[in-house]
C-alpha cells in the first residue's frame, strides 16, 4: 500500500503512462503518482514485477506488457490507455538499459549501440510520437523523459549510453518547440547515479558490490554529502514536472545530481594536497 498519505493530491484524476514502471525509478514514480490521485498505467517487460506493483496499489493502477523498442507495442499501449480512461495526460518515457560499465571506444561494439539506442532513444521517440498523437487533438498534456547527468558531464558512462541520453535531450528540446503550439509540455529529468537501480549497480567499480556498500560508495562519490540519491527523489522531480505546478515549464533538462555536474573537484583536491584545506 501507499507509504504515506497526501493532503494535496497534485495529479488528481490525471491519466499517466510510465514505461519501465515495474521497478526502480519507474516503480517509485508510479507509486507516488498514484498517491497523488493519478490513474497509473505501468508499462514494462517484467510482467511479474509489474503485476505485483499493481496488486499493492490496487484501484487506479494497471499493467500493460510493453517492449518500448517496438513501435507497435507503444502504439498499442497508448491506444489501450485511451480506450480505458478516455485520455492521456502524462507520458513518462522512463524505460532504459545500459550496455556495460564504462569502456573505451576501442572496446565498444555495434551490438551495444544497437541495443542501447533501440531501447533508450527509439523507445523515447515512439513514446513521444504516440503520446502526441492523442494529446495534440486535446491541446494539452505532458511528456517526460528520464535521461542522465551524463548529458551534462562526461567520464562515467559508456559511449552508447551517453549518445542515447544526449540524443533524447536534443529531441526533447525539438519537441518542446513543436508541441508547445498545442499546449503540450516536454521535459527531461537527468539523475546522477541512483542507489538501488540496475544502472548504478553496473557502474565501473560497483559491479557485484552488496547493496549497502554500493549505497555508501555512491554517497562518497557524490558532491552533496550526507545525501544519497534514491529513486524516490527522482519520482518527486517527475511529480513536479507532471503537475500543474510546472504549467509553464517546458524544454527543461532538470539535473538531479547534487551539483555534481557543475563542480570540478580537481582544484580543491590539489589545494588540499598542498596544505590548503577547504574553507
Protein backbone atom coordinates (compact mmCIF):
# COMPACT_ATOMS: atom_id res chain seq x y z
CA UNK A 1 0.00 0.00 0.00
CA UNK A 2 0.95 3.66 -0.18
CA UNK A 3 3.83 4.63 2.08
CA UNK A 4 2.21 7.87 3.23
CA UNK A 5 -0.97 9.89 2.87
CA UNK A 6 -1.01 13.16 0.97
CA UNK A 7 -3.29 16.06 1.83
CA UNK A 8 -2.92 17.78 -1.53
CA UNK A 9 -3.15 15.41 -4.48
CA UNK A 10 -1.27 17.06 -7.33
CA UNK A 11 -2.31 14.67 -10.12
CA UNK A 12 -5.95 14.17 -9.19
CA UNK A 13 -7.77 12.23 -11.98
CA UNK A 14 -4.86 12.58 -14.44
CA UNK A 15 -4.02 9.57 -16.61
CA UNK A 16 -0.34 8.65 -16.64
CA UNK A 17 1.73 6.07 -18.52
CA UNK A 18 5.13 5.16 -17.07
CA UNK A 19 7.40 2.95 -19.15
CA UNK A 20 9.92 0.88 -17.26
CA UNK A 21 7.45 1.23 -14.43
CA UNK A 22 7.91 -2.13 -12.72
CA UNK A 23 11.00 -1.28 -10.66
CA UNK A 24 13.47 1.43 -9.67
CA UNK A 25 12.63 4.99 -10.69
CA UNK A 26 9.58 3.82 -12.62
CA UNK A 27 8.04 1.96 -9.69
CA UNK A 28 8.74 4.83 -7.28
CA UNK A 29 7.16 7.26 -9.73
CA UNK A 30 4.14 5.01 -10.27
CA UNK A 31 3.61 4.75 -6.52
CA UNK A 32 4.00 8.49 -5.90
CA UNK A 33 1.79 9.46 -8.86
CA UNK A 34 -0.85 7.01 -7.63
CA UNK A 35 -0.69 8.51 -4.14
CA UNK A 36 -1.38 11.89 -5.74
CA UNK A 37 -4.58 10.73 -7.36
CA UNK A 38 -3.44 9.66 -10.83
CA UNK A 39 -4.68 6.70 -12.85
CA UNK A 40 -1.34 4.97 -13.45
CA UNK A 41 -0.60 2.61 -16.33
CA UNK A 42 2.61 0.70 -15.64
CA UNK A 43 4.36 -0.50 -18.81
CA UNK A 44 7.27 -2.95 -18.71
CA UNK A 45 8.52 -6.31 -19.98
CA UNK A 46 8.87 -7.73 -16.46
CA UNK A 47 5.33 -8.93 -16.03
CA UNK A 48 5.59 -10.40 -12.53
CA UNK A 49 7.08 -7.23 -11.06
CA UNK A 50 4.56 -5.02 -12.85
CA UNK A 51 1.57 -7.06 -11.80
CA UNK A 52 2.86 -7.28 -8.22
CA UNK A 53 3.09 -3.49 -8.06
CA UNK A 54 -0.45 -3.13 -9.37
CA UNK A 55 -1.56 -5.60 -6.70
CA UNK A 56 -0.03 -3.42 -3.99
CA UNK A 57 -1.53 -0.19 -5.34
CA UNK A 58 -4.99 -1.53 -6.22
CA UNK A 59 -7.56 0.70 -7.88
CA UNK A 60 -6.37 3.32 -10.39
CA UNK A 61 -3.35 1.20 -11.31
CA UNK A 62 -2.99 -1.22 -14.22
CA UNK A 63 -0.23 -3.07 -16.03
CA UNK A 64 0.49 -3.48 -19.76
CA UNK A 65 3.28 -5.61 -21.20
CA UNK A 66 5.31 -3.34 -23.48
CA UNK A 67 8.68 -3.59 -25.20
CA UNK A 68 9.47 0.07 -25.89
CA UNK A 69 11.88 -0.80 -28.68
CA UNK A 70 8.86 -1.95 -30.72
CA UNK A 71 6.68 0.85 -32.06
CA UNK A 72 3.68 -1.46 -32.27
CA UNK A 73 3.86 -2.11 -28.52
CA UNK A 74 3.97 1.60 -27.75
CA UNK A 75 1.10 2.37 -30.12
CA UNK A 76 -1.00 -0.39 -28.55
CA UNK A 77 -0.09 0.83 -25.04
CA UNK A 78 -1.35 4.33 -25.78
CA UNK A 79 -4.49 3.08 -27.52
CA UNK A 80 -5.29 0.71 -24.65
CA UNK A 81 -4.86 3.51 -22.13
CA UNK A 82 -7.10 5.93 -24.01
CA UNK A 83 -9.74 3.24 -24.60
CA UNK A 84 -9.83 2.52 -20.85
CA UNK A 85 -9.52 6.03 -19.43
CA UNK A 86 -10.64 8.29 -22.28
CA UNK A 87 -7.46 10.39 -22.35
CA UNK A 88 -3.71 10.56 -21.70
CA UNK A 89 -2.38 13.44 -19.61
CA UNK A 90 1.22 12.39 -18.88
CA UNK A 91 3.57 10.13 -20.84
CA UNK A 92 6.67 9.36 -18.76
CA UNK A 93 9.26 7.70 -21.00
CA UNK A 94 11.41 6.17 -18.29
CA UNK A 95 12.45 2.76 -19.66
CA UNK A 96 16.16 2.39 -20.28
CA UNK A 97 19.08 -0.01 -20.40
CA UNK A 98 22.84 0.23 -20.04
CA UNK A 99 25.24 -1.84 -22.12
CA UNK A 100 28.23 -2.26 -19.78
CA UNK A 101 30.31 -0.32 -17.27
CA UNK A 102 32.37 2.48 -18.79
CA UNK A 103 34.59 1.21 -21.58
CA UNK A 104 36.91 2.56 -24.25
CA UNK A 105 35.60 3.34 -27.72
CA UNK A 106 38.03 0.65 -28.88
CA UNK A 107 36.05 -1.91 -26.88
CA UNK A 108 32.61 -0.72 -27.97
CA UNK A 109 30.73 -2.85 -30.48
CA UNK A 110 27.79 -2.19 -32.77
CA UNK A 111 25.59 -4.64 -30.86
CA UNK A 112 25.94 -2.46 -27.75
CA UNK A 113 24.93 0.64 -29.68
CA UNK A 114 22.00 -1.11 -31.35
CA UNK A 115 20.58 -2.37 -28.06
CA UNK A 116 21.03 0.83 -26.07
CA UNK A 117 19.77 3.13 -28.80
CA UNK A 118 16.92 0.72 -29.60
CA UNK A 119 15.54 0.91 -26.07
CA UNK A 120 16.65 4.30 -24.78
CA UNK A 121 16.31 6.52 -27.85
CA UNK A 122 13.85 4.70 -30.09
CA UNK A 123 11.67 3.88 -27.09
CA UNK A 124 11.60 7.56 -26.10
CA UNK A 125 10.89 8.58 -29.70
CA UNK A 126 8.00 6.13 -30.08
CA UNK A 127 6.59 7.16 -26.72
CA UNK A 128 6.63 10.84 -27.62
CA UNK A 129 5.18 10.20 -31.09
CA UNK A 130 2.19 8.20 -29.91
CA UNK A 131 1.58 10.37 -26.86
CA UNK A 132 1.50 13.41 -29.13
CA UNK A 133 -0.91 11.58 -31.44
CA UNK A 134 -3.58 11.61 -28.73
CA UNK A 135 -2.53 14.79 -26.90
CA UNK A 136 -2.50 17.16 -29.88
CA UNK A 137 -6.26 16.89 -30.53
CA UNK A 138 -6.93 17.64 -26.85
CA UNK A 139 -4.45 20.56 -26.94
CA UNK A 140 -2.68 19.65 -23.75
CA UNK A 141 -0.50 17.13 -21.97
CA UNK A 142 2.94 16.46 -20.56
CA UNK A 143 5.73 14.30 -21.98
CA UNK A 144 8.66 13.40 -19.71
CA UNK A 145 11.92 11.55 -20.30
CA UNK A 146 14.41 10.03 -17.88
CA UNK A 147 17.82 10.97 -19.22
CA UNK A 148 21.06 11.16 -17.20
CA UNK A 149 23.57 13.55 -15.68
CA UNK A 150 25.95 12.28 -18.37
CA UNK A 151 24.12 14.75 -20.63
CA UNK A 152 25.98 17.47 -18.71
CA UNK A 153 29.26 15.83 -17.75
CA UNK A 154 31.31 13.03 -19.26
CA UNK A 155 33.56 10.30 -17.98
CA UNK A 156 31.34 7.83 -16.14
CA UNK A 157 29.05 6.30 -18.77
CA UNK A 158 29.64 4.16 -21.82
CA UNK A 159 29.68 5.85 -25.22
CA UNK A 160 26.47 4.16 -26.48
CA UNK A 161 24.63 5.08 -23.27
CA UNK A 162 25.81 8.68 -23.32
CA UNK A 163 24.96 9.03 -27.01
CA UNK A 164 21.43 7.75 -26.43
CA UNK A 165 20.75 10.05 -23.47
CA UNK A 166 22.19 13.17 -25.12
CA UNK A 167 20.07 12.46 -28.18
CA UNK A 168 16.95 12.33 -26.02
CA UNK A 169 17.71 15.76 -24.58
CA UNK A 170 18.09 17.17 -28.09
CA UNK A 171 14.86 15.53 -29.18
CA UNK A 172 13.03 16.88 -26.14
CA UNK A 173 14.08 20.44 -26.96
CA UNK A 174 12.87 20.00 -30.52
CA UNK A 175 9.57 18.53 -29.31
CA UNK A 176 9.07 21.38 -26.84
CA UNK A 177 9.25 23.78 -29.78
CA UNK A 178 6.79 21.89 -31.95
CA UNK A 179 4.32 20.67 -29.34
CA UNK A 180 4.20 23.90 -27.37
CA UNK A 181 1.91 25.17 -30.12
CA UNK A 182 -0.59 22.54 -28.94
CA UNK A 183 -0.24 23.26 -25.23
CA UNK A 184 1.95 20.20 -24.60
CA UNK A 185 4.94 20.48 -22.26
CA UNK A 186 8.10 18.39 -22.79
CA UNK A 187 10.85 17.99 -20.18
CA UNK A 188 13.76 15.73 -19.16
CA UNK A 189 14.87 14.55 -15.74
CA UNK A 190 18.60 13.78 -15.56
CA UNK A 191 19.59 11.80 -12.47
CA UNK A 192 23.11 11.12 -11.31
CA UNK A 193 23.84 7.57 -10.06
CA UNK A 194 20.69 6.38 -8.30
CA UNK A 195 21.11 3.89 -5.46
CA UNK A 196 19.41 0.55 -5.86
CA UNK A 197 18.95 0.65 -9.63
CA UNK A 198 20.39 -1.75 -12.20
CA UNK A 199 22.30 1.07 -13.89
CA UNK A 200 24.12 2.15 -10.72
CA UNK A 201 24.90 -1.47 -9.83
CA UNK A 202 26.68 -1.86 -13.17
CA UNK A 203 28.83 1.26 -12.83
CA UNK A 204 32.56 0.72 -13.00
CA UNK A 205 33.85 -0.15 -9.54
CA UNK A 206 30.41 -1.04 -8.16
CA UNK A 207 29.81 -4.29 -10.06
CA UNK A 208 28.83 -7.10 -7.69
CA UNK A 209 29.01 -4.88 -4.62
CA UNK A 210 26.40 -5.53 -1.87
CA UNK A 211 23.53 -3.03 -1.80
CA UNK A 212 24.54 -1.21 1.39
CA UNK A 213 28.19 -0.99 0.37
CA UNK A 214 27.17 0.29 -3.06
CA UNK A 215 24.96 2.93 -1.45
CA UNK A 216 27.79 4.05 0.81
CA UNK A 217 30.18 4.22 -2.14
CA UNK A 218 27.72 6.34 -4.12
CA UNK A 219 27.44 8.72 -1.18
CA UNK A 220 31.21 9.09 -1.06
CA UNK A 221 31.40 9.66 -4.81
CA UNK A 222 28.69 12.33 -4.79
CA UNK A 223 29.17 16.07 -4.36
CA UNK A 224 26.32 16.63 -1.90
CA UNK A 225 27.48 14.95 1.29
CA UNK A 226 25.05 13.46 3.78
CA UNK A 227 22.65 12.52 0.98
CA UNK A 228 22.35 9.55 -1.35
CA UNK A 229 20.22 9.82 -4.47
CA UNK A 230 17.37 7.29 -4.31
CA UNK A 231 14.57 6.52 -6.80
CA UNK A 232 12.07 8.41 -4.64
CA UNK A 233 13.94 11.68 -5.23
CA UNK A 234 13.64 11.28 -8.99
CA UNK A 235 9.96 10.45 -8.56
CA UNK A 236 9.49 13.73 -6.67
CA UNK A 237 11.13 15.65 -9.53
CA UNK A 238 8.90 13.86 -12.04
CA UNK A 239 5.83 14.64 -9.93
CA UNK A 240 6.63 18.35 -10.02
CA UNK A 241 7.14 18.39 -13.79
CA UNK A 242 3.98 16.35 -14.39
CA UNK A 243 1.83 18.54 -12.15
CA UNK A 244 0.12 21.85 -12.85
CA UNK A 245 2.70 23.49 -10.59
CA UNK A 246 5.04 23.28 -13.60
CA UNK A 247 2.41 24.56 -16.03
CA UNK A 248 4.88 26.92 -17.78
CA UNK A 249 7.95 24.70 -17.63
CA UNK A 250 8.92 23.17 -20.97
CA UNK A 251 12.17 22.35 -22.74
CA UNK A 252 13.97 21.80 -19.43
CA UNK A 253 16.65 19.23 -18.70
CA UNK A 254 16.34 19.04 -14.91
CA UNK A 255 19.60 17.77 -13.41
CA UNK A 256 19.10 15.89 -10.14
CA UNK A 257 22.73 15.34 -9.27
CA UNK A 258 23.52 17.24 -6.08
CA UNK A 259 25.61 19.72 -8.05
CA UNK A 260 27.98 17.02 -9.34
CA UNK A 261 27.98 18.29 -12.92
CA UNK A 262 28.83 21.89 -12.03
CA UNK A 263 31.74 21.17 -9.69
CA UNK A 264 35.31 20.39 -10.71
CA UNK A 265 36.96 18.96 -7.60
CA UNK A 266 40.46 18.93 -9.09
CA UNK A 267 41.40 22.39 -7.78
CA UNK A 268 40.15 21.59 -4.27
CA UNK A 269 41.97 18.26 -4.26
CA UNK A 270 45.18 19.91 -5.46
CA UNK A 271 44.86 22.69 -2.88
CA UNK A 272 44.31 20.21 -0.06
CA UNK A 273 47.35 18.27 -1.26
CA UNK A 274 49.43 21.46 -0.96
CA UNK A 275 48.29 22.03 2.61
CA UNK A 276 45.38 24.38 1.90
CA UNK A 277 42.27 22.76 3.40
CA UNK A 278 38.83 23.55 2.07
CA UNK A 279 37.39 26.67 3.70
